[in-house]
Amino acid sequence: MNFIIEPLDPVFFRDGKPFEMGEHSWANSLAFPLPSVILGAFRSFYLSHRPEVLDCLDDNDPTGDFQIKALYFRVNNQICVPVPKDLVKQKSALRTDPLIPLQAESVIEEAILPSETVSCPFKSDERVEPVEESVLSLFDFNEYLLNDHESISALPSDKWIVSEPKIGIGRNFVTRGSEEGQLYRVQMRRWQKSQLIVDLDLPGLSDDEKSWFEQGWLKLGGEGKIAHFQRFSSPIDIPRPEIKSGDCFKLYLLTPATFKQGWLPHWINPDTKESTDYFNCEFKLIAAALDKPILIGGFDMKTRAPKEKQYGVSAGSVYLF
């Protein structure tokens, strides 16, 4: 079930860095929300229709099986996805110039992450840099899947998401005056001619409950900014290239992911880099194109406290097998 979400106000999706008034003065915002933010907004929407279940969420949470299958962006009526991490740009090039594919080495090298080692043997003979906070149109992404990189270019988020810094100050709730030393700045983002598209599975709901999700209003991100959503009936089709026995293939992450082995999926042996009985298939990891790890947290509505943060792999990460 696809939904299209349009933020009506500047939104704020805080990154995982700590922020406390009085100790920090600047709060950064992610350009793209984490799937947990979208899922939490839809769960809150459901609970706004059934507030009586808030007291029994631990025993029988009707939203516990809600699942996001995919997260896309629509920019100027084009369906888009995050740029794969094995596509980069020359340091002297513009952000809209054609991208360059990284090449994989045959030997796995080591790079350092917090308390982790990650195999990252993609390289380039040119001076290149990653393409940050950008997306590909679905047409260019299909060309990428077919290994045709000649004319692929990115759509930078600053072309359709405008940064609007907001300045605030902490207040004393007793005197209603401002608190000394608690001036802060928040990086708000205004979406222009762009929307989110989410493929959301809503199992276990009655037909009457599903009718609530035809359209409505969500509180999205920090400060609960208003966004409108409605059903999106147009299908989003990403063709799957044919994989023959003995061929190499890529695994592309459309959304961020967390794994028990840090950057490495649990079905990969960390020593041999070979699969461990994954759907009766045998393959070996050759290369991985990853960004720096992201911190994933959130806010627990039941306990009214922040959730424990964990490291995750960013959207667009690529594993070559």
Protein backbone atom coordinates (compact mmCIF):
# COMPACT_ATOMS: atom_id res chain seq x y z
CA MET A 1 0.00 0.00 0.00
CA ASN A 2 1.68 3.19 -1.21
CA PHE A 3 1.18 6.59 0.40
CA ILE A 4 2.42 10.00 -0.71
CA ILE A 5 3.40 12.41 2.06
CA GLU A 6 3.78 16.16 1.56
CA PRO A 7 5.22 18.23 4.42
CA LEU A 8 3.38 21.55 4.62
CA ASP A 9 5.78 23.23 7.06
CA PRO A 10 9.57 23.21 7.37
CA VAL A 11 10.48 19.89 8.99
CA PHE A 12 13.30 18.82 11.27
CA PHE A 13 14.80 15.31 11.24
CA ARG A 14 17.55 15.49 13.84
CA ASP A 15 20.67 13.42 13.34
CA GLY A 16 22.07 11.16 16.06
CA LYS A 17 24.41 13.73 17.58
CA PRO A 18 23.56 14.76 21.16
CA PHE A 19 21.81 18.08 21.64
CA GLU A 20 20.90 19.71 24.94
CA MET A 21 20.00 23.37 25.43
CA GLY A 22 22.72 25.05 27.42
CA GLU A 23 25.35 22.52 26.33
CA HIS A 24 24.97 22.67 22.55
CA SER A 25 23.89 25.57 20.35
CA TRP A 26 23.37 23.95 16.95
CA ALA A 27 21.07 21.03 16.02
CA ASN A 28 21.63 19.47 12.60
CA SER A 29 18.84 18.03 10.48
CA LEU A 30 19.01 15.12 8.07
CA ALA A 31 17.82 15.91 4.56
CA PHE A 32 15.87 12.64 4.37
CA PRO A 33 13.90 11.12 7.27
CA LEU A 34 14.70 7.68 8.63
CA PRO A 35 12.02 5.01 8.04
CA SER A 36 11.43 4.87 11.81
CA VAL A 37 10.26 8.51 11.69
CA ILE A 38 7.67 7.73 9.02
CA LEU A 39 6.56 4.53 10.75
CA GLY A 40 6.19 6.37 14.06
CA ALA A 41 4.06 9.05 12.40
CA PHE A 42 1.65 6.46 10.98
CA ARG A 43 1.49 4.57 14.26
CA SER A 44 0.64 7.83 16.05
CA PHE A 45 -2.02 8.51 13.40
CA TYR A 46 -3.64 5.15 14.14
CA LEU A 47 -3.45 5.67 17.92
CA SER A 48 -5.10 9.07 17.56
CA HIS A 49 -8.19 7.17 16.38
CA ARG A 50 -7.92 4.60 19.16
CA PRO A 51 -6.36 6.30 22.21
CA GLU A 52 -7.74 3.60 24.51
CA VAL A 53 -5.08 1.10 23.35
CA LEU A 54 -2.22 3.29 24.60
CA ASP A 55 -2.42 1.62 28.02
CA CYS A 56 -2.00 -1.89 26.64
CA LEU A 57 0.69 -1.45 23.97
CA ASP A 58 3.06 -3.85 25.72
CA ASP A 59 0.53 -6.72 25.65
CA ASN A 60 -1.26 -6.24 22.35
CA ASP A 61 0.00 -3.45 20.10
CA PRO A 62 -2.20 -3.30 16.96
CA THR A 63 0.50 -1.23 15.22
CA GLY A 64 3.36 -3.58 16.14
CA ASP A 65 3.26 -5.34 12.76
CA PHE A 66 3.24 -2.15 10.67
CA GLN A 67 6.15 -2.45 8.26
CA ILE A 68 7.77 -0.10 5.76
CA LYS A 69 8.78 -1.99 2.62
CA ALA A 70 10.26 0.91 0.65
CA LEU A 71 10.79 4.65 0.82
CA TYR A 72 11.01 6.80 -2.31
CA PHE A 73 11.09 10.49 -3.16
CA ARG A 74 9.09 12.36 -5.78
CA VAL A 75 10.92 15.42 -7.13
CA ASN A 76 9.22 17.49 -9.84
CA ASN A 77 6.93 14.49 -10.50
CA GLN A 78 9.90 12.12 -10.89
CA ILE A 79 10.22 9.06 -8.64
CA CYS A 80 13.72 9.04 -7.13
CA VAL A 81 15.92 6.87 -4.88
CA PRO A 82 19.13 7.59 -2.91
CA VAL A 83 22.34 7.65 -4.95
CA PRO A 84 24.24 4.31 -4.72
CA LYS A 85 27.47 4.70 -2.76
CA ASP A 86 29.58 3.25 -5.59
CA LEU A 87 28.71 6.27 -7.75
CA VAL A 88 30.88 9.31 -7.05
CA LYS A 89 31.82 12.59 -8.71
CA GLN A 90 35.10 14.24 -9.61
CA LYS A 91 36.24 16.78 -7.04
CA SER A 92 36.27 19.53 -9.66
CA ALA A 93 32.88 18.59 -11.11
CA LEU A 94 29.50 20.15 -10.44
CA ARG A 95 27.01 18.16 -8.39
CA THR A 96 24.80 17.75 -11.47
CA ASP A 97 27.59 16.42 -13.73
CA PRO A 98 27.57 12.74 -14.75
CA LEU A 99 28.65 10.39 -11.96
CA ILE A 100 31.62 8.01 -12.03
CA PRO A 101 31.32 4.34 -10.98
CA LEU A 102 33.89 3.03 -8.53
CA GLN A 103 35.72 -0.16 -9.44
CA ALA A 104 36.03 -3.12 -7.09
CA GLU A 105 39.39 -4.68 -6.31
CA SER A 106 39.82 -8.44 -6.12
CA VAL A 107 41.31 -8.33 -2.59
CA ILE A 108 39.34 -7.14 0.43
CA GLU A 109 41.00 -4.25 2.26
CA GLU A 110 40.25 -2.89 5.75
CA ALA A 111 38.81 0.47 6.82
CA ILE A 112 37.89 1.55 10.33
CA LEU A 113 34.45 2.22 11.79
CA PRO A 114 33.64 2.67 15.50
CA SER A 115 34.51 -0.70 17.06
CA GLU A 116 34.23 -2.32 13.64
CA THR A 117 36.36 -3.17 10.61
CA VAL A 118 34.67 -2.89 7.24
CA SER A 119 35.73 -4.24 3.87
CA CYS A 120 35.60 -1.37 1.43
CA PRO A 121 37.63 -2.20 -1.67
CA PHE A 122 35.91 0.06 -4.20
CA LYS A 123 38.36 2.59 -5.64
CA SER A 124 38.95 5.04 -8.48
CA ASP A 125 42.08 6.24 -10.26
CA GLU A 126 40.66 9.78 -10.34
CA ARG A 127 40.28 12.28 -7.51
CA VAL A 128 36.68 11.77 -6.49
CA GLU A 129 34.35 12.42 -3.58
CA PRO A 130 30.98 11.00 -2.48
CA VAL A 131 27.69 12.48 -3.61
CA GLU A 132 25.92 13.46 -0.40
CA GLU A 133 22.21 14.16 0.18
CA SER A 134 21.30 13.49 -3.45
CA VAL A 135 18.96 11.17 -5.33
CA LEU A 136 18.68 9.48 -8.73
CA SER A 137 15.61 9.47 -10.92
CA LEU A 138 14.11 6.03 -11.38
CA PHE A 139 15.16 6.13 -15.05
CA ASP A 140 18.82 6.71 -14.11
CA PHE A 141 18.59 4.07 -11.38
CA ASN A 142 17.38 1.52 -13.93
CA GLU A 143 20.36 2.44 -16.13
CA TYR A 144 22.62 1.87 -13.12
CA LEU A 145 21.08 -1.59 -12.55
CA LEU A 146 21.85 -2.42 -16.19
CA ASN A 147 25.49 -1.32 -15.63
CA ASP A 148 25.11 1.67 -17.98
CA HIS A 149 26.76 4.64 -16.21
CA GLU A 150 27.49 6.98 -19.11
CA SER A 151 24.86 9.64 -18.48
CA ILE A 152 23.75 9.13 -14.86
CA SER A 153 23.54 12.37 -12.89
CA ALA A 154 22.31 13.15 -9.39
CA LEU A 155 19.59 15.50 -8.17
CA PRO A 156 21.07 17.38 -5.19
CA SER A 157 18.64 17.83 -2.31
CA ASP A 158 19.42 21.56 -2.02
CA LYS A 159 17.63 22.02 -5.36
CA TRP A 160 14.31 20.94 -3.84
CA ILE A 161 14.83 21.11 -0.07
CA VAL A 162 15.53 24.61 1.25
CA SER A 163 17.37 25.08 4.53
CA GLU A 164 15.58 27.48 6.90
CA PRO A 165 17.51 27.92 10.17
CA LYS A 166 15.39 28.65 13.21
CA ILE A 167 16.68 30.40 16.33
CA GLY A 168 15.15 29.71 19.73
CA ILE A 169 15.87 30.07 23.41
CA GLY A 170 15.02 27.97 26.43
CA ARG A 171 12.34 29.32 28.78
CA ASN A 172 11.78 29.05 32.49
CA PHE A 173 8.32 27.52 32.89
CA VAL A 174 7.89 29.13 36.30
CA THR A 175 8.80 32.73 35.49
CA ARG A 176 7.99 32.45 31.75
CA GLY A 177 11.26 34.27 31.10
CA SER A 178 14.20 33.20 28.97
CA GLU A 179 16.92 31.03 30.46
CA GLU A 180 20.48 32.33 30.39
CA GLY A 181 22.87 30.46 28.11
CA GLN A 182 20.17 28.47 26.31
CA LEU A 183 20.16 30.15 22.91
CA TYR A 184 20.12 27.54 20.16
CA ARG A 185 19.74 27.19 16.40
CA VAL A 186 17.84 24.44 14.58
CA GLN A 187 18.27 23.55 10.91
CA MET A 188 14.73 23.29 9.51
CA ARG A 189 14.13 22.00 5.96
CA ARG A 190 11.33 23.10 3.63
CA TRP A 191 10.36 20.65 0.87
CA GLN A 192 9.49 22.35 -2.44
CA LYS A 193 7.76 20.53 -5.31
CA SER A 194 8.76 17.28 -3.64
CA GLN A 195 7.12 14.56 -1.59
CA LEU A 196 7.85 11.27 0.15
CA ILE A 197 6.37 8.02 -1.09
CA VAL A 198 6.22 5.13 1.37
CA ASP A 199 5.24 1.51 0.72
CA LEU A 200 3.59 0.63 4.03
CA ASP A 201 2.14 -2.72 5.05
CA LEU A 202 -0.76 -2.50 7.54
CA PRO A 203 -1.55 -6.09 8.58
CA GLY A 204 -4.23 -7.03 11.07
CA LEU A 205 -6.45 -3.99 10.56
CA SER A 206 -10.16 -4.19 9.87
CA ASP A 207 -11.64 -2.70 6.71
CA ASP A 208 -13.02 0.17 8.78
CA GLU A 209 -9.59 0.87 10.27
CA LYS A 210 -7.93 0.72 6.86
CA SER A 211 -10.39 3.33 5.61
CA TRP A 212 -8.79 5.81 8.04
CA PHE A 213 -5.65 5.65 5.91
CA GLU A 214 -7.19 6.87 2.65
CA GLN A 215 -5.89 10.34 3.51
CA GLY A 216 -5.16 12.39 6.60
CA TRP A 217 -2.67 14.46 8.54
CA LEU A 218 0.57 13.40 10.20
CA LYS A 219 2.85 14.99 12.77
CA LEU A 220 6.26 14.58 11.21
CA GLY A 221 9.73 14.86 12.75
CA GLY A 222 10.87 17.16 15.52
CA GLU A 223 8.28 19.64 16.81
CA GLY A 224 5.55 17.56 15.15
CA LYS A 225 5.23 19.58 11.94
CA ILE A 226 2.12 18.99 9.85
CA ALA A 227 2.24 16.82 6.71
CA HIS A 228 -0.62 15.62 4.51
CA PHE A 229 -0.78 12.05 3.24
CA GLN A 230 -3.03 10.12 0.88
CA ARG A 231 -3.09 6.84 -0.98
CA PHE A 232 -0.80 6.72 -4.02
CA SER A 233 -2.27 4.41 -6.64
CA SER A 234 0.44 4.60 -9.34
CA PRO A 235 2.65 1.48 -9.22
CA ILE A 236 6.40 1.90 -8.75
CA ASP A 237 8.20 -0.75 -10.75
CA ILE A 238 11.96 -1.35 -10.50
CA PRO A 239 12.95 -4.10 -12.97
CA ARG A 240 15.19 -6.80 -11.54
CA PRO A 241 18.13 -7.69 -13.80
CA GLU A 242 18.54 -11.36 -14.56
CA ILE A 243 21.30 -12.98 -12.46
CA LYS A 244 22.91 -16.02 -14.03
CA SER A 245 24.86 -18.68 -12.17
CA GLY A 246 28.46 -17.61 -11.74
CA ASP A 247 27.74 -13.91 -12.24
CA CYS A 248 28.48 -11.12 -9.78
CA PHE A 249 25.57 -9.16 -8.40
CA LYS A 250 25.01 -6.10 -6.21
CA LEU A 251 22.85 -5.67 -3.14
CA TYR A 252 21.62 -2.06 -2.88
CA LEU A 253 20.01 -0.71 0.29
CA LEU A 254 17.04 1.51 -0.53
CA THR A 255 16.69 2.51 3.15
CA PRO A 256 19.09 2.54 6.13
CA ALA A 257 19.62 -0.79 7.85
CA THR A 258 20.92 -2.16 11.14
CA PHE A 259 22.77 -5.47 11.34
CA LYS A 260 23.86 -7.58 14.30
CA GLN A 261 27.40 -7.59 12.89
CA GLY A 262 27.65 -3.82 12.47
CA TRP A 263 28.04 -3.13 8.74
CA LEU A 264 27.84 -6.83 7.80
CA PRO A 265 24.52 -8.71 7.38
CA HIS A 266 24.08 -11.63 9.77
CA TRP A 267 24.03 -14.17 6.94
CA ILE A 268 27.65 -13.33 5.99
CA ASN A 269 30.49 -15.06 7.85
CA PRO A 270 32.73 -12.24 9.15
CA ASP A 271 35.91 -14.30 8.64
CA THR A 272 35.36 -15.89 5.23
CA LYS A 273 32.91 -13.26 3.89
CA GLU A 274 30.82 -16.16 2.55
CA SER A 275 27.09 -16.68 2.92
CA THR A 276 25.81 -18.83 5.77
CA ASP A 277 22.85 -20.79 4.38
CA TYR A 278 20.93 -17.79 3.03
CA PHE A 279 17.90 -19.18 1.17
CA ASN A 280 20.06 -22.16 0.15
CA CYS A 281 22.29 -19.85 -1.92
CA GLU A 282 26.08 -19.74 -1.84
CA PHE A 283 27.98 -16.53 -2.61
CA LYS A 284 30.90 -14.48 -1.33
CA LEU A 285 31.26 -10.79 -0.53
CA ILE A 286 33.78 -9.14 -2.87
CA ALA A 287 33.34 -5.46 -2.09
CA ALA A 288 31.27 -2.99 -0.09
CA ALA A 289 30.73 0.72 -0.79
CA LEU A 290 29.63 2.30 2.48
CA ASP A 291 29.36 5.77 3.97
CA LYS A 292 30.20 6.62 7.57
CA PRO A 293 27.79 4.93 10.02
CA ILE A 294 24.62 6.73 11.03
CA LEU A 295 23.10 6.88 14.51
CA ILE A 296 19.51 5.69 14.74
CA GLY A 297 17.45 6.60 17.79
CA GLY A 298 13.96 7.89 18.40
CA PHE A 299 11.46 8.64 21.13
CA ASP A 300 9.45 6.03 23.00
CA MET A 301 5.83 7.18 23.35
CA LYS A 302 5.13 4.58 26.03
CA THR A 303 7.99 5.47 28.38
CA ARG A 304 8.20 9.11 27.27
CA ALA A 305 11.98 8.79 26.96
CA PRO A 306 14.57 8.65 24.14
CA LYS A 307 15.32 5.22 22.71
CA GLU A 308 18.78 3.71 22.92
CA LYS A 309 20.83 4.72 19.89
CA GLN A 310 22.45 2.18 17.60
CA TYR A 311 24.74 2.35 14.59
CA GLY A 312 23.26 1.74 11.15
CA VAL A 313 24.30 1.53 7.49
CA SER A 314 23.08 4.46 5.40
CA ALA A 315 20.68 4.27 2.45
CA GLY A 316 22.41 3.74 -0.88
CA SER A 317 25.05 1.37 0.52
CA VAL A 318 26.16 -1.27 -1.97
CA TYR A 319 27.45 -4.81 -1.42
CA LEU A 320 29.06 -6.67 -4.32
CA PHE A 321 28.88 -10.50 -4.32
